Amino acid sequence: MIKVKILNPIEDRNEPTFRPLFFIKDMLRDYSIDITESDDFDFMFIGMNEFIDKDVSLDESVDRGLENLSKITGDYFLFDGSDSTSLMGAYEVLNESKAIYLFKNQLLNREEYKKSTTLNKWFFGTGSDLDLSYNISDENWNRIKLSGWNLGYMLPQYRNFQQVSSYKNLDVCAIYKAELPYNEEHKLRNDLYYTNHRKSAWDVLDSKFSSKKDKLPYQEYINTLYNSKIALSPYGMGEICFRDFECMQFGTIIVKPDVSRLDTIPNIYEDDETYVAVNYDWSNLNEKVDYILSDFNNLNQKINTNIRKEFLEKYTYENLCMHWYEIFSNLDKINKYE
């Protein structure tokens, strides 16, 4: 039995980072993995709250993270629970630390990290005071792994599918927070990047389509979502959003910027099969909305059926347990724990 201790599991960002593991805590024992609170453990799991501080400069964050990790004895894994593919702040710590692995919920391919982008977020473009790229060595790339979960595992209620309706009175649900309040990451303002992307969809969407925008109280939003043929799901802090799974749950076709470059487990995104992809700048949004509305009855059933089937097959606790069983099984050091 492999014994794992999670350091400060409910502190700040650590709670959502490790939430899926606690859903499967009891099941993991059947896979020879025991999450323990005891000091008798084989591996320590360390969340981003312990080694990333986005309220200070990047250099300060890395220094603080390495200082915290220097106090850790024994083998440990790092978990960057942020919602984007950015390696900012985490890779620097991995490179200088004794961590066995760094886990991310989603990644790009290795070559894409060589391209310098704002905050290392490919969808933010370039030209800021904190453009970052990473030329990752073979050794370090082998130390970066997928966690086996993403936002789809965060709320069990996503399995409560509502009947897919063919009688919807609204073309497009575009209800979401478009203007984020002032915010910084490592002393660089980031809210404008989010706002420009999210609000521009409203500007681009043709008035010939019936739509609702802005924000609503939750139940009104859900009712509107259910009665909409299409829902826009822009990127947020990362590429995958809670809205993707709300659309699936309530039977509304997802239109979101392309996520084909995303590597994540599970991955249920396939253009024109489980969602409809648009350009990040929304330049082909109206064309895609026209396409869906012109064949709505067919696409409504196809896309909602497909995404629910993919979700039920891939987002299982058994799959998540097996993912972690394989992580440990493939670890060079694991023989001493058998």
Foldseek 3Di string as FASTA:
>chain_A
DAEEEEPPCCPDPNVLQCVLCVVCQVVLVVLVYHYDNDPPGQEYEYEPVQQADQVAALVVSNVSNLVSQVPDDHEYEYEDEFQAQQCRRPLSNVVPHPYQAYEYQKHFDQVLLQDWAASSGPLLGDDFPHTHGDNDDPNRVVRYYYLQDHPLSRDPCLLQADDADPQADFAEELEDAQQDPFDGTNPHTDRVSSNQQSVLLVVPADPVGGYDYYHDPPVVSLVNLLRYQEYEDEADSYQDDPVLSSNLRSQHAYEYADPVSMDHFPDQDDDLQQHHHDHSSCPCVNVVSVVCVVVVVVSSVRNSVSSSVSCVVGVDSVNSSVVVSVVLVPDPVNVVVD
